[in-house]
Amino acid sequence: MNGKDYLCLNLEKYLNNKGTTSEDDMKNGNLSIGNSSLPEKNVLLNTEFSYKNIPFFISKKDYFDNIELEGQKLTFKPLPITAIHILGVSSNGDYFEPIHFVRNNEVVNSEIFFLTDFLSSEPAFRDEPAIQCKYLHTQSGINNYYKPTIWYDCIRFDQSIEVDGLQLEDNPFIHIFAISLEYTC
């Protein structure tokens, strides 16, 4: 086992927030307290894409396209992961939270992930800009002043850890659009 592979987590059943909108429904955005949103034509939805040679998949199902943290437990087949790659944003500030790595319903590790506010042009932490939008959708229309960003953060492990789930915290100001697990094979 010396190779690596990736698993793009299917987040469909955990989606609970509308962070991207079209020009026709921008009044339905819910990424911030002011109900702003990202223009969906600037975000690759329901198709696999790569950032830093890491595959990601942002699901849009029905109305929702991201996870607003509410203590969700994400489950998947057991994997010996070496890293977790996250695409997401904070809103109304820059935030960080622990993410708990679970095996057989027990937390085996916890680490902190960081996401800068989506309206910031520079990272507040170690995260990096992954998707840059050309403008912002607001309740009153398109705002060309802001160029919102979906940020990338990564947590690496010195040795692989066998996990079959992730436990999120409860923070309504953190939104996760995609998670990819890097694992040994």
C-alpha atoms as a PDB file:
ATOM      1  CA  MET A   1       0.000   0.000   0.000  1.00  0.00           C
ATOM      2  CA  ASN A   2       2.095   2.876  -1.223  1.00  0.00           C
ATOM      3  CA  GLY A   3      -0.164   4.605  -3.741  1.00  0.00           C
ATOM      4  CA  LYS A   4      -2.766   7.251  -3.114  1.00  0.00           C
ATOM      5  CA  ASP A   5      -6.255   7.858  -4.359  1.00  0.00           C
ATOM      6  CA  TYR A   6      -9.128  10.224  -3.622  1.00  0.00           C
ATOM      7  CA  LEU A   7     -12.745   9.876  -2.636  1.00  0.00           C
ATOM      8  CA  CYS A   8     -15.025  12.829  -3.371  1.00  0.00           C
ATOM      9  CA  LEU A   9     -17.599  12.547  -0.619  1.00  0.00           C
ATOM     10  CA  ASN A  10     -21.183  12.575  -1.781  1.00  0.00           C
ATOM     11  CA  LEU A  11     -22.685  15.334   0.352  1.00  0.00           C
ATOM     12  CA  GLU A  12     -26.181  15.287  -1.183  1.00  0.00           C
ATOM     13  CA  LYS A  13     -28.028  13.938   1.847  1.00  0.00           C
ATOM     14  CA  TYR A  14     -26.339  16.494   4.133  1.00  0.00           C
ATOM     15  CA  LEU A  15     -26.985  19.632   2.044  1.00  0.00           C
ATOM     16  CA  ASN A  16     -28.998  22.229   3.970  1.00  0.00           C
ATOM     17  CA  ASN A  17     -28.126  25.651   2.526  1.00  0.00           C
ATOM     18  CA  LYS A  18     -28.413  27.576  -0.753  1.00  0.00           C
ATOM     19  CA  GLY A  19     -25.107  29.328  -1.379  1.00  0.00           C
ATOM     20  CA  THR A  20     -25.237  29.629  -5.175  1.00  0.00           C
ATOM     21  CA  THR A  21     -27.961  31.222  -7.233  1.00  0.00           C
ATOM     22  CA  SER A  22     -28.747  32.125 -10.827  1.00  0.00           C
ATOM     23  CA  GLU A  23     -29.581  35.666 -11.883  1.00  0.00           C
ATOM     24  CA  ASP A  24     -33.250  34.629 -11.820  1.00  0.00           C
ATOM     25  CA  ASP A  25     -33.281  33.427  -8.205  1.00  0.00           C
ATOM     26  CA  MET A  26     -30.602  35.510  -6.464  1.00  0.00           C
ATOM     27  CA  LYS A  27     -33.196  36.658  -3.923  1.00  0.00           C
ATOM     28  CA  ASN A  28     -33.216  33.061  -2.606  1.00  0.00           C
ATOM     29  CA  GLY A  29     -29.522  33.050  -1.634  1.00  0.00           C
ATOM     30  CA  ASN A  30     -28.719  32.165   1.953  1.00  0.00           C
ATOM     31  CA  LEU A  31     -24.940  32.183   2.313  1.00  0.00           C
ATOM     32  CA  SER A  32     -24.830  35.167   4.672  1.00  0.00           C
ATOM     33  CA  ILE A  33     -27.019  36.980   7.169  1.00  0.00           C
ATOM     34  CA  GLY A  34     -27.823  39.417   4.353  1.00  0.00           C
ATOM     35  CA  ASN A  35     -28.893  36.492   2.124  1.00  0.00           C
ATOM     36  CA  SER A  36     -26.175  37.035  -0.460  1.00  0.00           C
ATOM     37  CA  SER A  37     -24.909  34.190  -2.639  1.00  0.00           C
ATOM     38  CA  LEU A  38     -22.347  33.116  -5.202  1.00  0.00           C
ATOM     39  CA  PRO A  39     -23.275  33.220  -8.893  1.00  0.00           C
ATOM     40  CA  GLU A  40     -23.796  29.563  -9.779  1.00  0.00           C
ATOM     41  CA  LYS A  41     -22.371  30.077 -13.264  1.00  0.00           C
ATOM     42  CA  ASN A  42     -18.966  30.740 -11.601  1.00  0.00           C
ATOM     43  CA  VAL A  43     -19.090  27.444  -9.655  1.00  0.00           C
ATOM     44  CA  LEU A  44     -18.886  23.980 -11.226  1.00  0.00           C
ATOM     45  CA  LEU A  45     -21.952  22.170  -9.887  1.00  0.00           C
ATOM     46  CA  ASN A  46     -22.723  18.450 -10.235  1.00  0.00           C
ATOM     47  CA  THR A  47     -19.529  17.760 -12.145  1.00  0.00           C
ATOM     48  CA  GLU A  48     -16.119  16.595 -11.009  1.00  0.00           C
ATOM     49  CA  PHE A  49     -13.294  19.126 -11.294  1.00  0.00           C
ATOM     50  CA  SER A  50      -9.762  19.449  -9.948  1.00  0.00           C
ATOM     51  CA  TYR A  51      -8.018  21.988  -7.794  1.00  0.00           C
ATOM     52  CA  LYS A  52      -4.287  21.380  -7.167  1.00  0.00           C
ATOM     53  CA  ASN A  53      -4.748  18.007  -8.910  1.00  0.00           C
ATOM     54  CA  ILE A  54      -7.277  16.990  -6.249  1.00  0.00           C
ATOM     55  CA  PRO A  55     -10.718  15.959  -7.516  1.00  0.00           C
ATOM     56  CA  PHE A  56     -13.770  17.680  -6.040  1.00  0.00           C
ATOM     57  CA  PHE A  57     -17.507  17.418  -6.579  1.00  0.00           C
ATOM     58  CA  ILE A  58     -19.937  20.159  -5.520  1.00  0.00           C
ATOM     59  CA  SER A  59     -23.441  18.730  -5.394  1.00  0.00           C
ATOM     60  CA  LYS A  60     -26.543  20.758  -6.090  1.00  0.00           C
ATOM     61  CA  LYS A  61     -29.690  18.854  -5.261  1.00  0.00           C
ATOM     62  CA  ASP A  62     -33.051  20.491  -5.467  1.00  0.00           C
ATOM     63  CA  TYR A  63     -32.606  23.784  -3.647  1.00  0.00           C
ATOM     64  CA  PHE A  64     -29.361  23.173  -1.706  1.00  0.00           C
ATOM     65  CA  ASP A  65     -25.642  23.107  -2.585  1.00  0.00           C
ATOM     66  CA  ASN A  66     -23.632  23.244   0.653  1.00  0.00           C
ATOM     67  CA  ILE A  67     -23.550  22.129   4.268  1.00  0.00           C
ATOM     68  CA  GLU A  68     -24.104  24.778   6.907  1.00  0.00           C
ATOM     69  CA  LEU A  69     -22.519  23.199   9.963  1.00  0.00           C
ATOM     70  CA  GLU A  70     -25.167  21.806  12.328  1.00  0.00           C
ATOM     71  CA  GLY A  71     -23.303  18.919  13.928  1.00  0.00           C
ATOM     72  CA  GLN A  72     -23.789  16.535  10.997  1.00  0.00           C
ATOM     73  CA  LYS A  73     -22.154  13.114  10.963  1.00  0.00           C
ATOM     74  CA  LEU A  74     -20.969  12.165   7.476  1.00  0.00           C
ATOM     75  CA  THR A  75     -20.496   8.442   6.885  1.00  0.00           C
ATOM     76  CA  PHE A  76     -18.636   6.493   4.201  1.00  0.00           C
ATOM     77  CA  LYS A  77     -16.862   3.187   3.681  1.00  0.00           C
ATOM     78  CA  PRO A  78     -13.815   2.657   5.937  1.00  0.00           C
ATOM     79  CA  LEU A  79     -10.679   4.211   4.459  1.00  0.00           C
ATOM     80  CA  PRO A  80      -7.054   4.671   5.574  1.00  0.00           C
ATOM     81  CA  ILE A  81      -6.967   8.437   4.985  1.00  0.00           C
ATOM     82  CA  THR A  82      -3.796  10.507   4.839  1.00  0.00           C
ATOM     83  CA  ALA A  83      -5.457  13.896   4.221  1.00  0.00           C
ATOM     84  CA  ILE A  84      -8.784  15.668   4.029  1.00  0.00           C
ATOM     85  CA  HIS A  85      -9.339  18.420   1.463  1.00  0.00           C
ATOM     86  CA  ILE A  86     -12.158  20.919   2.053  1.00  0.00           C
ATOM     87  CA  LEU A  87     -13.738  23.564  -0.183  1.00  0.00           C
ATOM     88  CA  GLY A  88     -15.873  26.006   1.741  1.00  0.00           C
ATOM     89  CA  VAL A  89     -16.420  29.471   3.114  1.00  0.00           C
ATOM     90  CA  SER A  90     -17.081  31.349   6.272  1.00  0.00           C
ATOM     91  CA  SER A  91     -19.654  34.119   6.265  1.00  0.00           C
ATOM     92  CA  ASN A  92     -19.876  37.186   8.461  1.00  0.00           C
ATOM     93  CA  GLY A  93     -16.286  36.650   9.656  1.00  0.00           C
ATOM     94  CA  ASP A  94     -13.342  34.252   9.465  1.00  0.00           C
ATOM     95  CA  TYR A  95     -13.877  30.999  11.341  1.00  0.00           C
ATOM     96  CA  PHE A  96     -12.268  27.706  12.287  1.00  0.00           C
ATOM     97  CA  GLU A  97     -13.714  24.612  13.919  1.00  0.00           C
ATOM     98  CA  PRO A  98     -12.631  21.115  14.842  1.00  0.00           C
ATOM     99  CA  ILE A  99     -13.571  18.277  12.556  1.00  0.00           C
ATOM    100  CA  HIS A 100     -13.755  14.879  14.219  1.00  0.00           C
ATOM    101  CA  PHE A 101     -12.592  11.705  12.488  1.00  0.00           C
ATOM    102  CA  VAL A 102     -14.735   8.712  13.431  1.00  0.00           C
ATOM    103  CA  ARG A 103     -14.270   4.935  13.287  1.00  0.00           C
ATOM    104  CA  ASN A 104     -17.042   2.593  14.482  1.00  0.00           C
ATOM    105  CA  ASN A 105     -18.909   5.528  16.075  1.00  0.00           C
ATOM    106  CA  GLU A 106     -15.869   6.584  18.138  1.00  0.00           C
ATOM    107  CA  VAL A 107     -13.802   9.706  17.582  1.00  0.00           C
ATOM    108  CA  VAL A 108     -10.240   8.616  16.765  1.00  0.00           C
ATOM    109  CA  ASN A 109      -8.822  12.060  15.978  1.00  0.00           C
ATOM    110  CA  SER A 110      -9.835  15.721  15.876  1.00  0.00           C
ATOM    111  CA  GLU A 111      -8.194  18.507  13.908  1.00  0.00           C
ATOM    112  CA  ILE A 112      -8.972  22.151  13.193  1.00  0.00           C
ATOM    113  CA  PHE A 113      -9.932  23.359   9.719  1.00  0.00           C
ATOM    114  CA  PHE A 114      -9.940  27.021   8.698  1.00  0.00           C
ATOM    115  CA  LEU A 115     -12.111  28.963   6.253  1.00  0.00           C
ATOM    116  CA  THR A 116     -11.850  32.653   5.474  1.00  0.00           C
ATOM    117  CA  ASP A 117     -14.914  34.830   4.872  1.00  0.00           C
ATOM    118  CA  PHE A 118     -16.152  34.465   1.296  1.00  0.00           C
ATOM    119  CA  LEU A 119     -16.035  38.245   0.771  1.00  0.00           C
ATOM    120  CA  SER A 120     -12.353  38.537   1.747  1.00  0.00           C
ATOM    121  CA  SER A 121      -9.749  38.939  -0.954  1.00  0.00           C
ATOM    122  CA  GLU A 122      -6.897  37.598   1.194  1.00  0.00           C
ATOM    123  CA  PRO A 123      -6.852  34.489   3.404  1.00  0.00           C
ATOM    124  CA  ALA A 124      -7.085  35.005   7.145  1.00  0.00           C
ATOM    125  CA  PHE A 125      -5.485  31.624   7.841  1.00  0.00           C
ATOM    126  CA  ARG A 126      -3.569  28.920   5.969  1.00  0.00           C
ATOM    127  CA  ASP A 127      -6.455  28.382   3.523  1.00  0.00           C
ATOM    128  CA  GLU A 128      -6.102  29.319  -0.145  1.00  0.00           C
ATOM    129  CA  PRO A 129      -8.484  30.754  -2.735  1.00  0.00           C
ATOM    130  CA  ALA A 130      -9.802  27.894  -4.883  1.00  0.00           C
ATOM    131  CA  ILE A 131     -12.747  29.380  -6.788  1.00  0.00           C
ATOM    132  CA  GLN A 132     -12.964  33.111  -7.441  1.00  0.00           C
ATOM    133  CA  CYS A 133     -16.315  34.517  -8.553  1.00  0.00           C
ATOM    134  CA  LYS A 134     -16.591  37.606 -10.744  1.00  0.00           C
ATOM    135  CA  TYR A 135     -19.291  39.281  -8.649  1.00  0.00           C
ATOM    136  CA  LEU A 136     -21.712  38.742  -5.768  1.00  0.00           C
ATOM    137  CA  HIS A 137     -25.445  38.098  -5.823  1.00  0.00           C
ATOM    138  CA  THR A 138     -27.356  40.187  -3.287  1.00  0.00           C
ATOM    139  CA  GLN A 139     -31.005  40.811  -2.479  1.00  0.00           C
ATOM    140  CA  SER A 140     -30.855  44.007  -4.519  1.00  0.00           C
ATOM    141  CA  GLY A 141     -29.020  42.540  -7.531  1.00  0.00           C
ATOM    142  CA  ILE A 142     -25.478  41.976  -8.736  1.00  0.00           C
ATOM    143  CA  ASN A 143     -22.669  43.621  -6.764  1.00  0.00           C
ATOM    144  CA  ASN A 144     -19.531  43.980  -8.886  1.00  0.00           C
ATOM    145  CA  TYR A 145     -17.446  45.362  -6.022  1.00  0.00           C
ATOM    146  CA  TYR A 146     -17.114  42.003  -4.239  1.00  0.00           C
ATOM    147  CA  LYS A 147     -15.378  39.038  -5.878  1.00  0.00           C
ATOM    148  CA  PRO A 148     -16.410  36.204  -3.523  1.00  0.00           C
ATOM    149  CA  THR A 149     -14.150  33.227  -2.969  1.00  0.00           C
ATOM    150  CA  ILE A 150     -14.568  29.567  -2.104  1.00  0.00           C
ATOM    151  CA  TRP A 151     -11.526  28.645  -0.008  1.00  0.00           C
ATOM    152  CA  TYR A 152      -9.461  25.452   0.141  1.00  0.00           C
ATOM    153  CA  ASP A 153      -8.062  23.971   3.351  1.00  0.00           C
ATOM    154  CA  CYS A 154      -6.191  20.714   3.879  1.00  0.00           C
ATOM    155  CA  ILE A 155      -5.392  18.633   6.932  1.00  0.00           C
ATOM    156  CA  ARG A 156      -2.594  16.078   6.466  1.00  0.00           C
ATOM    157  CA  PHE A 157      -1.706  13.194   8.753  1.00  0.00           C
ATOM    158  CA  ASP A 158       1.810  11.852   9.375  1.00  0.00           C
ATOM    159  CA  GLN A 159       0.387   8.331   9.202  1.00  0.00           C
ATOM    160  CA  SER A 160      -2.881   7.157   7.721  1.00  0.00           C
ATOM    161  CA  ILE A 161      -5.860   6.821  10.050  1.00  0.00           C
ATOM    162  CA  GLU A 162      -8.688   4.377   9.404  1.00  0.00           C
ATOM    163  CA  VAL A 163     -12.009   6.225   9.492  1.00  0.00           C
ATOM    164  CA  ASP A 164     -15.588   5.694   8.341  1.00  0.00           C
ATOM    165  CA  GLY A 165     -17.066   9.049   9.260  1.00  0.00           C
ATOM    166  CA  LEU A 166     -16.626  12.733   9.994  1.00  0.00           C
ATOM    167  CA  GLN A 167     -18.398  14.592  12.779  1.00  0.00           C
ATOM    168  CA  LEU A 168     -18.918  18.313  12.187  1.00  0.00           C
ATOM    169  CA  GLU A 169     -19.458  20.982  14.824  1.00  0.00           C
ATOM    170  CA  ASP A 170     -22.380  23.418  14.966  1.00  0.00           C
ATOM    171  CA  ASN A 171     -21.454  26.785  13.432  1.00  0.00           C
ATOM    172  CA  PRO A 172     -23.974  28.401  11.061  1.00  0.00           C
ATOM    173  CA  PHE A 173     -21.261  30.716   9.703  1.00  0.00           C
ATOM    174  CA  ILE A 174     -19.225  27.874   8.145  1.00  0.00           C
ATOM    175  CA  HIS A 175     -20.346  26.359   4.844  1.00  0.00           C
ATOM    176  CA  ILE A 176     -18.748  23.305   3.217  1.00  0.00           C
ATOM    177  CA  PHE A 177     -19.249  22.837  -0.529  1.00  0.00           C
ATOM    178  CA  ALA A 178     -17.020  19.786  -1.094  1.00  0.00           C
ATOM    179  CA  ILE A 179     -14.820  17.313   0.777  1.00  0.00           C
ATOM    180  CA  SER A 180     -12.298  14.946  -0.772  1.00  0.00           C
ATOM    181  CA  LEU A 181     -10.484  12.301   1.215  1.00  0.00           C
ATOM    182  CA  GLU A 182      -6.962  11.281   0.227  1.00  0.00           C
ATOM    183  CA  TYR A 183      -6.207   7.693   1.144  1.00  0.00           C
ATOM    184  CA  THR A 184      -3.591   4.988   0.691  1.00  0.00           C
ATOM    185  CA  CYS A 185      -4.280   2.116  -1.653  1.00  0.00           C
END
